mmCIF file of all heavy atoms, coordinates in Angstrom:
data_MODEL
# 
_entry.id   MODEL 
# 
loop_
_atom_site.group_PDB 
_atom_site.id 
_atom_site.type_symbol 
_atom_site.label_atom_id 
_atom_site.label_alt_id 
_atom_site.label_comp_id 
_atom_site.label_asym_id 
_atom_site.label_entity_id 
_atom_site.label_seq_id 
_atom_site.pdbx_PDB_ins_code 
_atom_site.Cartn_x 
_atom_site.Cartn_y 
_atom_site.Cartn_z 
_atom_site.occupancy 
_atom_site.B_iso_or_equiv 
_atom_site.pdbx_formal_charge 
_atom_site.auth_seq_id 
_atom_site.auth_comp_id 
_atom_site.auth_asym_id 
_atom_site.auth_atom_id 
_atom_site.pdbx_PDB_model_num 
ATOM 1   N N   . PHE A 1 1  ? 89.665 94.753  81.436 1.00 0.00 ? 1  PHE A N   1 
ATOM 2   C CA  . PHE A 1 1  ? 90.723 94.032  82.145 1.00 0.00 ? 1  PHE A CA  1 
ATOM 3   C C   . PHE A 1 1  ? 90.335 92.604  82.544 1.00 0.00 ? 1  PHE A C   1 
ATOM 4   O O   . PHE A 1 1  ? 91.081 91.659  82.260 1.00 0.00 ? 1  PHE A O   1 
ATOM 5   C CB  . PHE A 1 1  ? 91.174 94.837  83.363 1.00 0.00 ? 1  PHE A CB  1 
ATOM 6   C CG  . PHE A 1 1  ? 92.312 94.211  84.107 1.00 0.00 ? 1  PHE A CG  1 
ATOM 7   C CD1 . PHE A 1 1  ? 93.616 94.330  83.649 1.00 0.00 ? 1  PHE A CD1 1 
ATOM 8   C CD2 . PHE A 1 1  ? 92.091 93.486  85.274 1.00 0.00 ? 1  PHE A CD2 1 
ATOM 9   C CE1 . PHE A 1 1  ? 94.670 93.745  84.328 1.00 0.00 ? 1  PHE A CE1 1 
ATOM 10  C CE2 . PHE A 1 1  ? 93.129 92.894  85.955 1.00 0.00 ? 1  PHE A CE2 1 
ATOM 11  C CZ  . PHE A 1 1  ? 94.428 93.026  85.483 1.00 0.00 ? 1  PHE A CZ  1 
ATOM 12  N N   . PRO A 1 2  ? 89.177 92.391  83.210 1.00 0.00 ? 2  PRO A N   1 
ATOM 13  C CA  . PRO A 1 2  ? 88.849 91.007  83.581 1.00 0.00 ? 2  PRO A CA  1 
ATOM 14  C C   . PRO A 1 2  ? 88.607 90.097  82.376 1.00 0.00 ? 2  PRO A C   1 
ATOM 15  O O   . PRO A 1 2  ? 88.805 88.881  82.474 1.00 0.00 ? 2  PRO A O   1 
ATOM 16  C CB  . PRO A 1 2  ? 87.578 91.154  84.428 1.00 0.00 ? 2  PRO A CB  1 
ATOM 17  C CG  . PRO A 1 2  ? 87.010 92.469  84.052 1.00 0.00 ? 2  PRO A CG  1 
ATOM 18  C CD  . PRO A 1 2  ? 88.173 93.349  83.712 1.00 0.00 ? 2  PRO A CD  1 
ATOM 19  N N   . LEU A 1 3  ? 88.202 90.658  81.252 1.00 0.00 ? 3  LEU A N   1 
ATOM 20  C CA  . LEU A 1 3  ? 87.995 89.849  80.048 1.00 0.00 ? 3  LEU A CA  1 
ATOM 21  C C   . LEU A 1 3  ? 89.329 89.430  79.446 1.00 0.00 ? 3  LEU A C   1 
ATOM 22  O O   . LEU A 1 3  ? 89.481 88.303  78.962 1.00 0.00 ? 3  LEU A O   1 
ATOM 23  C CB  . LEU A 1 3  ? 87.170 90.631  79.027 1.00 0.00 ? 3  LEU A CB  1 
ATOM 24  C CG  . LEU A 1 3  ? 85.813 91.145  79.512 1.00 0.00 ? 3  LEU A CG  1 
ATOM 25  C CD1 . LEU A 1 3  ? 85.086 91.865  78.382 1.00 0.00 ? 3  LEU A CD1 1 
ATOM 26  C CD2 . LEU A 1 3  ? 84.967 90.014  80.065 1.00 0.00 ? 3  LEU A CD2 1 
ATOM 27  N N   . LYS A 1 4  ? 90.303 90.342  79.478 1.00 0.00 ? 4  LYS A N   1 
ATOM 28  C CA  . LYS A 1 4  ? 91.634 89.996  78.977 1.00 0.00 ? 4  LYS A CA  1 
ATOM 29  C C   . LYS A 1 4  ? 92.273 88.917  79.843 1.00 0.00 ? 4  LYS A C   1 
ATOM 30  O O   . LYS A 1 4  ? 92.965 88.027  79.330 1.00 0.00 ? 4  LYS A O   1 
ATOM 31  C CB  . LYS A 1 4  ? 92.512 91.246  78.924 1.00 0.00 ? 4  LYS A CB  1 
ATOM 32  C CG  . LYS A 1 4  ? 92.093 92.242  77.859 1.00 0.00 ? 4  LYS A CG  1 
ATOM 33  C CD  . LYS A 1 4  ? 92.994 93.466  77.847 1.00 0.00 ? 4  LYS A CD  1 
ATOM 34  C CE  . LYS A 1 4  ? 92.579 94.441  76.753 1.00 0.00 ? 4  LYS A CE  1 
ATOM 35  N NZ  . LYS A 1 4  ? 93.431 95.665  76.739 1.00 0.00 ? 4  LYS A NZ  1 
ATOM 36  N N   . MET A 1 5  ? 92.046 88.995  81.150 1.00 0.00 ? 5  MET A N   1 
ATOM 37  C CA  . MET A 1 5  ? 92.577 87.966  82.041 1.00 0.00 ? 5  MET A CA  1 
ATOM 38  C C   . MET A 1 5  ? 91.954 86.601  81.747 1.00 0.00 ? 5  MET A C   1 
ATOM 39  O O   . MET A 1 5  ? 92.587 85.563  81.978 1.00 0.00 ? 5  MET A O   1 
ATOM 40  C CB  . MET A 1 5  ? 92.320 88.357  83.503 1.00 0.00 ? 5  MET A CB  1 
ATOM 41  C CG  . MET A 1 5  ? 93.074 89.586  83.984 1.00 0.00 ? 5  MET A CG  1 
ATOM 42  S SD  . MET A 1 5  ? 94.877 89.403  83.934 1.00 0.00 ? 5  MET A SD  1 
ATOM 43  C CE  . MET A 1 5  ? 95.273 90.255  82.385 1.00 0.00 ? 5  MET A CE  1 
ATOM 44  N N   . ARG A 1 6  ? 90.735 86.626  81.216 1.00 0.00 ? 6  ARG A N   1 
ATOM 45  C CA  . ARG A 1 6  ? 90.051 85.379  80.849 1.00 0.00 ? 6  ARG A CA  1 
ATOM 46  C C   . ARG A 1 6  ? 90.294 84.994  79.394 1.00 0.00 ? 6  ARG A C   1 
ATOM 47  O O   . ARG A 1 6  ? 89.711 84.033  78.906 1.00 0.00 ? 6  ARG A O   1 
ATOM 48  C CB  . ARG A 1 6  ? 88.545 85.524  81.123 1.00 0.00 ? 6  ARG A CB  1 
ATOM 49  C CG  . ARG A 1 6  ? 88.209 85.535  82.612 1.00 0.00 ? 6  ARG A CG  1 
ATOM 50  C CD  . ARG A 1 6  ? 86.797 86.024  82.873 1.00 0.00 ? 6  ARG A CD  1 
ATOM 51  N NE  . ARG A 1 6  ? 86.402 85.852  84.268 1.00 0.00 ? 6  ARG A NE  1 
ATOM 52  C CZ  . ARG A 1 6  ? 86.807 86.648  85.260 1.00 0.00 ? 6  ARG A CZ  1 
ATOM 53  N NH1 . ARG A 1 6  ? 87.594 87.674  85.005 1.00 0.00 ? 6  ARG A NH1 1 
ATOM 54  N NH2 . ARG A 1 6  ? 86.420 86.417  86.502 1.00 0.00 ? 6  ARG A NH2 1 
ATOM 55  N N   . LYS A 1 7  ? 91.130 85.794  78.729 1.00 0.00 ? 7  LYS A N   1 
ATOM 56  C CA  . LYS A 1 7  ? 91.551 85.520  77.349 1.00 0.00 ? 7  LYS A CA  1 
ATOM 57  C C   . LYS A 1 7  ? 90.373 85.462  76.373 1.00 0.00 ? 7  LYS A C   1 
ATOM 58  O O   . LYS A 1 7  ? 90.302 84.586  75.506 1.00 0.00 ? 7  LYS A O   1 
ATOM 59  C CB  . LYS A 1 7  ? 92.380 84.225  77.279 1.00 0.00 ? 7  LYS A CB  1 
ATOM 60  C CG  . LYS A 1 7  ? 93.619 84.265  78.170 1.00 0.00 ? 7  LYS A CG  1 
ATOM 61  C CD  . LYS A 1 7  ? 94.495 83.057  77.972 1.00 0.00 ? 7  LYS A CD  1 
ATOM 62  C CE  . LYS A 1 7  ? 95.659 83.052  78.959 1.00 0.00 ? 7  LYS A CE  1 
ATOM 63  N NZ  . LYS A 1 7  ? 96.475 84.281  78.897 1.00 0.00 ? 7  LYS A NZ  1 
ATOM 64  N N   . TRP A 1 8  ? 89.433 86.401  76.528 1.00 0.00 ? 8  TRP A N   1 
ATOM 65  C CA  . TRP A 1 8  ? 88.350 86.507  75.553 1.00 0.00 ? 8  TRP A CA  1 
ATOM 66  C C   . TRP A 1 8  ? 88.917 87.034  74.233 1.00 0.00 ? 8  TRP A C   1 
ATOM 67  O O   . TRP A 1 8  ? 89.872 87.838  74.229 1.00 0.00 ? 8  TRP A O   1 
ATOM 68  C CB  . TRP A 1 8  ? 87.281 87.474  76.062 1.00 0.00 ? 8  TRP A CB  1 
ATOM 69  C CG  . TRP A 1 8  ? 86.349 86.917  77.089 1.00 0.00 ? 8  TRP A CG  1 
ATOM 70  C CD1 . TRP A 1 8  ? 86.612 85.961  78.021 1.00 0.00 ? 8  TRP A CD1 1 
ATOM 71  C CD2 . TRP A 1 8  ? 84.999 87.310  77.290 1.00 0.00 ? 8  TRP A CD2 1 
ATOM 72  N NE1 . TRP A 1 8  ? 85.512 85.738  78.799 1.00 0.00 ? 8  TRP A NE1 1 
ATOM 73  C CE2 . TRP A 1 8  ? 84.506 86.544  78.374 1.00 0.00 ? 8  TRP A CE2 1 
ATOM 74  C CE3 . TRP A 1 8  ? 84.162 88.234  76.680 1.00 0.00 ? 8  TRP A CE3 1 
ATOM 75  C CZ2 . TRP A 1 8  ? 83.199 86.679  78.840 1.00 0.00 ? 8  TRP A CZ2 1 
ATOM 76  C CZ3 . TRP A 1 8  ? 82.865 88.375  77.140 1.00 0.00 ? 8  TRP A CZ3 1 
ATOM 77  C CH2 . TRP A 1 8  ? 82.382 87.593  78.209 1.00 0.00 ? 8  TRP A CH2 1 
ATOM 78  N N   . PRO A 1 9  ? 88.330 86.675  73.112 1.00 0.00 ? 9  PRO A N   1 
ATOM 79  C CA  . PRO A 1 9  ? 88.736 87.231  71.814 1.00 0.00 ? 9  PRO A CA  1 
ATOM 80  C C   . PRO A 1 9  ? 88.514 88.743  71.782 1.00 0.00 ? 9  PRO A C   1 
ATOM 81  O O   . PRO A 1 9  ? 87.590 89.263  72.407 1.00 0.00 ? 9  PRO A O   1 
ATOM 82  C CB  . PRO A 1 9  ? 87.824 86.512  70.813 1.00 0.00 ? 9  PRO A CB  1 
ATOM 83  C CG  . PRO A 1 9  ? 87.390 85.273  71.522 1.00 0.00 ? 9  PRO A CG  1 
ATOM 84  C CD  . PRO A 1 9  ? 87.304 85.628  72.976 1.00 0.00 ? 9  PRO A CD  1 
ATOM 85  N N   . ARG A 1 10 ? 89.359 89.451  71.036 1.00 0.00 ? 10 ARG A N   1 
ATOM 86  C CA  . ARG A 1 10 ? 89.334 90.903  71.004 1.00 0.00 ? 10 ARG A CA  1 
ATOM 87  C C   . ARG A 1 10 ? 87.974 91.457  70.595 1.00 0.00 ? 10 ARG A C   1 
ATOM 88  O O   . ARG A 1 10 ? 87.471 92.417  71.207 1.00 0.00 ? 10 ARG A O   1 
ATOM 89  C CB  . ARG A 1 10 ? 90.410 91.421  70.055 1.00 0.00 ? 10 ARG A CB  1 
ATOM 90  C CG  . ARG A 1 10 ? 90.497 92.956  70.005 1.00 0.00 ? 10 ARG A CG  1 
ATOM 91  C CD  . ARG A 1 10 ? 91.612 93.408  69.085 1.00 0.00 ? 10 ARG A CD  1 
ATOM 92  N NE  . ARG A 1 10 ? 91.388 92.924  67.733 1.00 0.00 ? 10 ARG A NE  1 
ATOM 93  C CZ  . ARG A 1 10 ? 90.570 93.524  66.845 1.00 0.00 ? 10 ARG A CZ  1 
ATOM 94  N NH1 . ARG A 1 10 ? 89.929 94.630  67.187 1.00 0.00 ? 10 ARG A NH1 1 
ATOM 95  N NH2 . ARG A 1 10 ? 90.419 93.044  65.632 1.00 0.00 ? 10 ARG A NH2 1 
ATOM 96  N N   . GLN A 1 11 ? 87.363 90.897  69.565 1.00 0.00 ? 11 GLN A N   1 
ATOM 97  C CA  . GLN A 1 11 ? 86.078 91.410  69.104 1.00 0.00 ? 11 GLN A CA  1 
ATOM 98  C C   . GLN A 1 11 ? 84.995 91.248  70.167 1.00 0.00 ? 11 GLN A C   1 
ATOM 99  O O   . GLN A 1 11 ? 84.145 92.129  70.349 1.00 0.00 ? 11 GLN A O   1 
ATOM 100 C CB  . GLN A 1 11 ? 85.659 90.714  67.807 1.00 0.00 ? 11 GLN A CB  1 
ATOM 101 C CG  . GLN A 1 11 ? 86.476 91.136  66.592 1.00 0.00 ? 11 GLN A CG  1 
ATOM 102 C CD  . GLN A 1 11 ? 85.950 90.506  65.307 1.00 0.00 ? 11 GLN A CD  1 
ATOM 103 O OE1 . GLN A 1 11 ? 85.276 89.475  65.337 1.00 0.00 ? 11 GLN A OE1 1 
ATOM 104 N NE2 . GLN A 1 11 ? 86.255 91.142  64.183 1.00 0.00 ? 11 GLN A NE2 1 
ATOM 105 N N   . GLU A 1 12 ? 85.025 90.144  70.870 1.00 0.00 ? 12 GLU A N   1 
ATOM 106 C CA  . GLU A 1 12 ? 84.030 89.922  71.924 1.00 0.00 ? 12 GLU A CA  1 
ATOM 107 C C   . GLU A 1 12 ? 84.274 90.869  73.098 1.00 0.00 ? 12 GLU A C   1 
ATOM 108 O O   . GLU A 1 12 ? 83.326 91.330  73.750 1.00 0.00 ? 12 GLU A O   1 
ATOM 109 C CB  . GLU A 1 12 ? 84.059 88.466  72.378 1.00 0.00 ? 12 GLU A CB  1 
ATOM 110 C CG  . GLU A 1 12 ? 83.577 87.502  71.307 1.00 0.00 ? 12 GLU A CG  1 
ATOM 111 C CD  . GLU A 1 12 ? 83.425 86.091  71.835 1.00 0.00 ? 12 GLU A CD  1 
ATOM 112 O OE1 . GLU A 1 12 ? 83.339 85.914  73.067 1.00 0.00 ? 12 GLU A OE1 1 
ATOM 113 O OE2 . GLU A 1 12 ? 83.381 85.165  71.016 1.00 0.00 ? 12 GLU A OE2 1 
ATOM 114 N N   . ILE A 1 13 ? 85.541 91.168  73.379 1.00 0.00 ? 13 ILE A N   1 
ATOM 115 C CA  . ILE A 1 13 ? 85.848 92.138  74.435 1.00 0.00 ? 13 ILE A CA  1 
ATOM 116 C C   . ILE A 1 13 ? 85.293 93.501  74.073 1.00 0.00 ? 13 ILE A C   1 
ATOM 117 O O   . ILE A 1 13 ? 84.635 94.170  74.896 1.00 0.00 ? 13 ILE A O   1 
ATOM 118 C CB  . ILE A 1 13 ? 87.367 92.216  74.672 1.00 0.00 ? 13 ILE A CB  1 
ATOM 119 C CG1 . ILE A 1 13 ? 87.877 90.929  75.324 1.00 0.00 ? 13 ILE A CG1 1 
ATOM 120 C CG2 . ILE A 1 13 ? 87.706 93.424  75.561 1.00 0.00 ? 13 ILE A CG2 1 
ATOM 121 C CD1 . ILE A 1 13 ? 89.384 90.892  75.512 1.00 0.00 ? 13 ILE A CD1 1 
ATOM 122 N N   . GLU A 1 14 ? 85.511 93.936  72.843 1.00 0.00 ? 14 GLU A N   1 
ATOM 123 C CA  . GLU A 1 14 ? 85.019 95.246  72.406 1.00 0.00 ? 14 GLU A CA  1 
ATOM 124 C C   . GLU A 1 14 ? 83.499 95.319  72.507 1.00 0.00 ? 14 GLU A C   1 
ATOM 125 O O   . GLU A 1 14 ? 82.943 96.334  72.944 1.00 0.00 ? 14 GLU A O   1 
ATOM 126 C CB  . GLU A 1 14 ? 85.481 95.511  70.978 1.00 0.00 ? 14 GLU A CB  1 
ATOM 127 C CG  . GLU A 1 14 ? 86.992 95.732  70.863 1.00 0.00 ? 14 GLU A CG  1 
ATOM 128 C CD  . GLU A 1 14 ? 87.441 95.895  69.425 1.00 0.00 ? 14 GLU A CD  1 
ATOM 129 O OE1 . GLU A 1 14 ? 86.592 95.722  68.500 1.00 0.00 ? 14 GLU A OE1 1 
ATOM 130 O OE2 . GLU A 1 14 ? 88.636 96.190  69.204 1.00 0.00 ? 14 GLU A OE2 1 
ATOM 131 N N   . ARG A 1 15 ? 82.838 94.254  72.095 1.00 0.00 ? 15 ARG A N   1 
ATOM 132 C CA  . ARG A 1 15 ? 81.380 94.243  72.151 1.00 0.00 ? 15 ARG A CA  1 
ATOM 133 C C   . ARG A 1 15 ? 80.885 94.257  73.599 1.00 0.00 ? 15 ARG A C   1 
ATOM 134 O O   . ARG A 1 15 ? 79.958 95.006  73.952 1.00 0.00 ? 15 ARG A O   1 
ATOM 135 C CB  . ARG A 1 15 ? 80.830 93.011  71.425 1.00 0.00 ? 15 ARG A CB  1 
ATOM 136 C CG  . ARG A 1 15 ? 79.302 92.916  71.451 1.00 0.00 ? 15 ARG A CG  1 
ATOM 137 C CD  . ARG A 1 15 ? 78.807 91.748  70.652 1.00 0.00 ? 15 ARG A CD  1 
ATOM 138 N NE  . ARG A 1 15 ? 79.355 90.484  71.140 1.00 0.00 ? 15 ARG A NE  1 
ATOM 139 C CZ  . ARG A 1 15 ? 79.110 89.314  70.563 1.00 0.00 ? 15 ARG A CZ  1 
ATOM 140 N NH1 . ARG A 1 15 ? 78.383 89.253  69.470 1.00 0.00 ? 15 ARG A NH1 1 
ATOM 141 N NH2 . ARG A 1 15 ? 79.621 88.211  71.072 1.00 0.00 ? 15 ARG A NH2 1 
ATOM 142 N N   . ALA A 1 16 ? 81.522 93.448  74.458 1.00 0.00 ? 16 ALA A N   1 
ATOM 143 C CA  . ALA A 1 16 ? 81.090 93.377  75.863 1.00 0.00 ? 16 ALA A CA  1 
ATOM 144 C C   . ALA A 1 16 ? 81.320 94.710  76.579 1.00 0.00 ? 16 ALA A C   1 
ATOM 145 O O   . ALA A 1 16 ? 80.491 95.142  77.380 1.00 0.00 ? 16 ALA A O   1 
ATOM 146 C CB  . ALA A 1 16 ? 81.829 92.252  76.579 1.00 0.00 ? 16 ALA A CB  1 
ATOM 147 N N   . VAL A 1 17 ? 82.451 95.374  76.285 1.00 0.00 ? 17 VAL A N   1 
ATOM 148 C CA  . VAL A 1 17 ? 82.733 96.668  76.909 1.00 0.00 ? 17 VAL A CA  1 
ATOM 149 C C   . VAL A 1 17 ? 81.700 97.696  76.473 1.00 0.00 ? 17 VAL A C   1 
ATOM 150 O O   . VAL A 1 17 ? 81.181 98.475  77.297 1.00 0.00 ? 17 VAL A O   1 
ATOM 151 C CB  . VAL A 1 17 ? 84.154 97.138  76.551 1.00 0.00 ? 17 VAL A CB  1 
ATOM 152 C CG1 . VAL A 1 17 ? 84.362 98.600  76.956 1.00 0.00 ? 17 VAL A CG1 1 
ATOM 153 C CG2 . VAL A 1 17 ? 85.194 96.257  77.230 1.00 0.00 ? 17 VAL A CG2 1 
ATOM 154 N N   . LYS A 1 18 ? 81.366 97.717  75.209 1.00 0.00 ? 18 LYS A N   1 
ATOM 155 C CA  . LYS A 1 18 ? 80.370 98.657  74.698 1.00 0.00 ? 18 LYS A CA  1 
ATOM 156 C C   . LYS A 1 18 ? 79.025 98.451  75.390 1.00 0.00 ? 18 LYS A C   1 
ATOM 157 O O   . LYS A 1 18 ? 78.354 99.416  75.787 1.00 0.00 ? 18 LYS A O   1 
ATOM 158 C CB  . LYS A 1 18 ? 80.228 98.494  73.190 1.00 0.00 ? 18 LYS A CB  1 
ATOM 159 C CG  . LYS A 1 18 ? 79.242 99.463  72.551 1.00 0.00 ? 18 LYS A CG  1 
ATOM 160 C CD  . LYS A 1 18 ? 79.183 99.274  71.043 1.00 0.00 ? 18 LYS A CD  1 
ATOM 161 C CE  . LYS A 1 18 ? 78.180 100.240 70.413 1.00 0.00 ? 18 LYS A CE  1 
ATOM 162 N NZ  . LYS A 1 18 ? 78.117 100.072 68.936 1.00 0.00 ? 18 LYS A NZ  1 
ATOM 163 N N   . GLU A 1 19 ? 78.621 97.195  75.532 1.00 0.00 ? 19 GLU A N   1 
ATOM 164 C CA  . GLU A 1 19 ? 77.330 96.906  76.157 1.00 0.00 ? 19 GLU A CA  1 
ATOM 165 C C   . GLU A 1 19 ? 77.350 97.213  77.652 1.00 0.00 ? 19 GLU A C   1 
ATOM 166 O O   . GLU A 1 19 ? 76.348 97.683  78.213 1.00 0.00 ? 19 GLU A O   1 
ATOM 167 C CB  . GLU A 1 19 ? 76.958 95.447  75.902 1.00 0.00 ? 19 GLU A CB  1 
ATOM 168 C CG  . GLU A 1 19 ? 76.624 95.187  74.443 1.00 0.00 ? 19 GLU A CG  1 
ATOM 169 C CD  . GLU A 1 19 ? 76.544 93.717  74.116 1.00 0.00 ? 19 GLU A CD  1 
ATOM 170 O OE1 . GLU A 1 19 ? 76.751 92.905  75.036 1.00 0.00 ? 19 GLU A OE1 1 
ATOM 171 O OE2 . GLU A 1 19 ? 76.273 93.384  72.953 1.00 0.00 ? 19 GLU A OE2 1 
ATOM 172 N N   . ALA A 1 20 ? 78.500 96.988  78.310 1.00 0.00 ? 20 ALA A N   1 
ATOM 173 C CA  . ALA A 1 20 ? 78.601 97.316  79.727 1.00 0.00 ? 20 ALA A CA  1 
ATOM 174 C C   . ALA A 1 20 ? 78.480 98.826  79.946 1.00 0.00 ? 20 ALA A C   1 
ATOM 175 O O   . ALA A 1 20 ? 77.852 99.276  80.905 1.00 0.00 ? 20 ALA A O   1 
ATOM 176 C CB  . ALA A 1 20 ? 79.920 96.798  80.297 1.00 0.00 ? 20 ALA A CB  1 
ATOM 177 N N   . LEU A 1 21 ? 79.072 99.602  79.059 1.00 0.00 ? 21 LEU A N   1 
ATOM 178 C CA  . LEU A 1 21 ? 78.960 101.056 79.159 1.00 0.00 ? 21 LEU A CA  1 
ATOM 179 C C   . LEU A 1 21 ? 77.521 101.513 78.921 1.00 0.00 ? 21 LEU A C   1 
ATOM 180 O O   . LEU A 1 21 ? 77.051 102.465 79.559 1.00 0.00 ? 21 LEU A O   1 
ATOM 181 C CB  . LEU A 1 21 ? 79.903 101.726 78.158 1.00 0.00 ? 21 LEU A CB  1 
ATOM 182 C CG  . LEU A 1 21 ? 81.381 101.722 78.563 1.00 0.00 ? 21 LEU A CG  1 
ATOM 183 C CD1 . LEU A 1 21 ? 82.263 102.142 77.394 1.00 0.00 ? 21 LEU A CD1 1 
ATOM 184 C CD2 . LEU A 1 21 ? 81.612 102.640 79.755 1.00 0.00 ? 21 LEU A CD2 1 
ATOM 185 N N   . GLN A 1 22 ? 76.825 100.857 78.008 1.00 0.00 ? 22 GLN A N   1 
ATOM 186 C CA  . GLN A 1 22 ? 75.407 101.165 77.815 1.00 0.00 ? 22 GLN A CA  1 
ATOM 187 C C   . GLN A 1 22 ? 74.614 100.851 79.075 1.00 0.00 ? 22 GLN A C   1 
ATOM 188 O O   . GLN A 1 22 ? 73.729 101.619 79.473 1.00 0.00 ? 22 GLN A O   1 
ATOM 189 C CB  . GLN A 1 22 ? 74.853 100.351 76.627 1.00 0.00 ? 22 GLN A CB  1 
ATOM 190 C CG  . GLN A 1 22 ? 75.388 100.759 75.265 1.00 0.00 ? 22 GLN A CG  1 
ATOM 191 C CD  . GLN A 1 22 ? 74.750 102.027 74.729 1.00 0.00 ? 22 GLN A CD  1 
ATOM 192 O OE1 . GLN A 1 22 ? 73.785 102.543 75.290 1.00 0.00 ? 22 GLN A OE1 1 
ATOM 193 N NE2 . GLN A 1 22 ? 75.299 102.545 73.635 1.00 0.00 ? 22 GLN A NE2 1 
ATOM 194 N N   . LEU A 1 23 ? 74.957 99.746  79.713 1.00 0.00 ? 23 LEU A N   1 
ATOM 195 C CA  . LEU A 1 23 ? 74.240 99.317  80.915 1.00 0.00 ? 23 LEU A CA  1 
ATOM 196 C C   . LEU A 1 23 ? 74.346 100.341 82.032 1.00 0.00 ? 23 LEU A C   1 
ATOM 197 O O   . LEU A 1 23 ? 73.375 100.612 82.740 1.00 0.00 ? 23 LEU A O   1 
ATOM 198 C CB  . LEU A 1 23 ? 74.792 97.969  81.390 1.00 0.00 ? 23 LEU A CB  1 
ATOM 199 C CG  . LEU A 1 23 ? 74.131 97.338  82.618 1.00 0.00 ? 23 LEU A CG  1 
ATOM 200 C CD1 . LEU A 1 23 ? 72.707 96.899  82.299 1.00 0.00 ? 23 LEU A CD1 1 
ATOM 201 C CD2 . LEU A 1 23 ? 74.947 96.161  83.119 1.00 0.00 ? 23 LEU A CD2 1 
ATOM 202 N N   . VAL A 1 24 ? 75.533 100.947 82.180 1.00 0.00 ? 24 VAL A N   1 
ATOM 203 C CA  . VAL A 1 24 ? 75.743 101.915 83.271 1.00 0.00 ? 24 VAL A CA  1 
ATOM 204 C C   . VAL A 1 24 ? 75.609 103.355 82.783 1.00 0.00 ? 24 VAL A C   1 
ATOM 205 O O   . VAL A 1 24 ? 76.001 104.292 83.480 1.00 0.00 ? 24 VAL A O   1 
ATOM 206 C CB  . VAL A 1 24 ? 77.114 101.704 83.948 1.00 0.00 ? 24 VAL A CB  1 
ATOM 207 C CG1 . VAL A 1 24 ? 77.188 100.326 84.582 1.00 0.00 ? 24 VAL A CG1 1 
ATOM 208 C CG2 . VAL A 1 24 ? 78.262 101.929 82.971 1.00 0.00 ? 24 VAL A CG2 1 
ATOM 209 N N   . ARG A 1 25 ? 75.065 103.530 81.594 1.00 0.00 ? 25 ARG A N   1 
ATOM 210 C CA  . ARG A 1 25 ? 74.760 104.851 81.037 1.00 0.00 ? 25 ARG A CA  1 
ATOM 211 C C   . ARG A 1 25 ? 75.998 105.732 80.854 1.00 0.00 ? 25 ARG A C   1 
ATOM 212 O O   . ARG A 1 25 ? 75.996 106.913 81.183 1.00 0.00 ? 25 ARG A O   1 
ATOM 213 C CB  . ARG A 1 25 ? 73.726 105.574 81.897 1.00 0.00 ? 25 ARG A CB  1 
ATOM 214 C CG  . ARG A 1 25 ? 72.387 104.841 81.995 1.00 0.00 ? 25 ARG A CG  1 
ATOM 215 C CD  . ARG A 1 25 ? 71.327 105.725 82.582 1.00 0.00 ? 25 ARG A CD  1 
ATOM 216 N NE  . ARG A 1 25 ? 71.683 106.174 83.919 1.00 0.00 ? 25 ARG A NE  1 
ATOM 217 C CZ  . ARG A 1 25 ? 71.171 107.252 84.501 1.00 0.00 ? 25 ARG A CZ  1 
ATOM 218 N NH1 . ARG A 1 25 ? 70.295 107.993 83.862 1.00 0.00 ? 25 ARG A NH1 1 
ATOM 219 N NH2 . ARG A 1 25 ? 71.536 107.595 85.733 1.00 0.00 ? 25 ARG A NH2 1 
ATOM 220 N N   . LEU A 1 26 ? 77.071 105.126 80.317 1.00 0.00 ? 26 LEU A N   1 
ATOM 221 C CA  . LEU A 1 26 ? 78.284 105.885 80.023 1.00 0.00 ? 26 LEU A CA  1 
ATOM 222 C C   . LEU A 1 26 ? 78.770 105.662 78.590 1.00 0.00 ? 26 LEU A C   1 
ATOM 223 O O   . LEU A 1 26 ? 79.994 105.545 78.358 1.00 0.00 ? 26 LEU A O   1 
ATOM 224 C CB  . LEU A 1 26 ? 79.402 105.512 81.012 1.00 0.00 ? 26 LEU A CB  1 
ATOM 225 C CG  . LEU A 1 26 ? 79.276 106.017 82.448 1.00 0.00 ? 26 LEU A CG  1 
ATOM 226 C CD1 . LEU A 1 26 ? 80.440 105.521 83.291 1.00 0.00 ? 26 LEU A CD1 1 
ATOM 227 C CD2 . LEU A 1 26 ? 79.197 107.537 82.501 1.00 0.00 ? 26 LEU A CD2 1 
ATOM 228 N N   . PRO A 1 27 ? 77.887 105.578 77.617 1.00 0.00 ? 27 PRO A N   1 
ATOM 229 C CA  . PRO A 1 27 ? 78.378 105.442 76.236 1.00 0.00 ? 27 PRO A CA  1 
ATOM 230 C C   . PRO A 1 27 ? 79.173 106.674 75.828 1.00 0.00 ? 27 PRO A C   1 
ATOM 231 O O   . PRO A 1 27 ? 78.848 107.799 76.218 1.00 0.00 ? 27 PRO A O   1 
ATOM 232 C CB  . PRO A 1 27 ? 77.087 105.315 75.422 1.00 0.00 ? 27 PRO A CB  1 
ATOM 233 C CG  . PRO A 1 27 ? 76.049 106.013 76.240 1.00 0.00 ? 27 PRO A CG  1 
ATOM 234 C CD  . PRO A 1 27 ? 76.411 105.726 77.677 1.00 0.00 ? 27 PRO A CD  1 
ATOM 235 N N   . GLY A 1 28 ? 80.255 106.462 75.079 1.00 0.00 ? 28 GLY A N   1 
ATOM 236 C CA  . GLY A 1 28 ? 81.085 107.575 74.650 1.00 0.00 ? 28 GLY A CA  1 
ATOM 237 C C   . GLY A 1 28 ? 82.205 107.927 75.609 1.00 0.00 ? 28 GLY A C   1 
ATOM 238 O O   . GLY A 1 28 ? 82.988 108.840 75.339 1.00 0.00 ? 28 GLY A O   1 
# 
């Protein structure tokens, strides 16, 4: 959500979300 509000490109949003989930140990 905050990335969409900042108008990040879709591919970068997907990558950032994936890495954020890895960071907080919630992949999948």
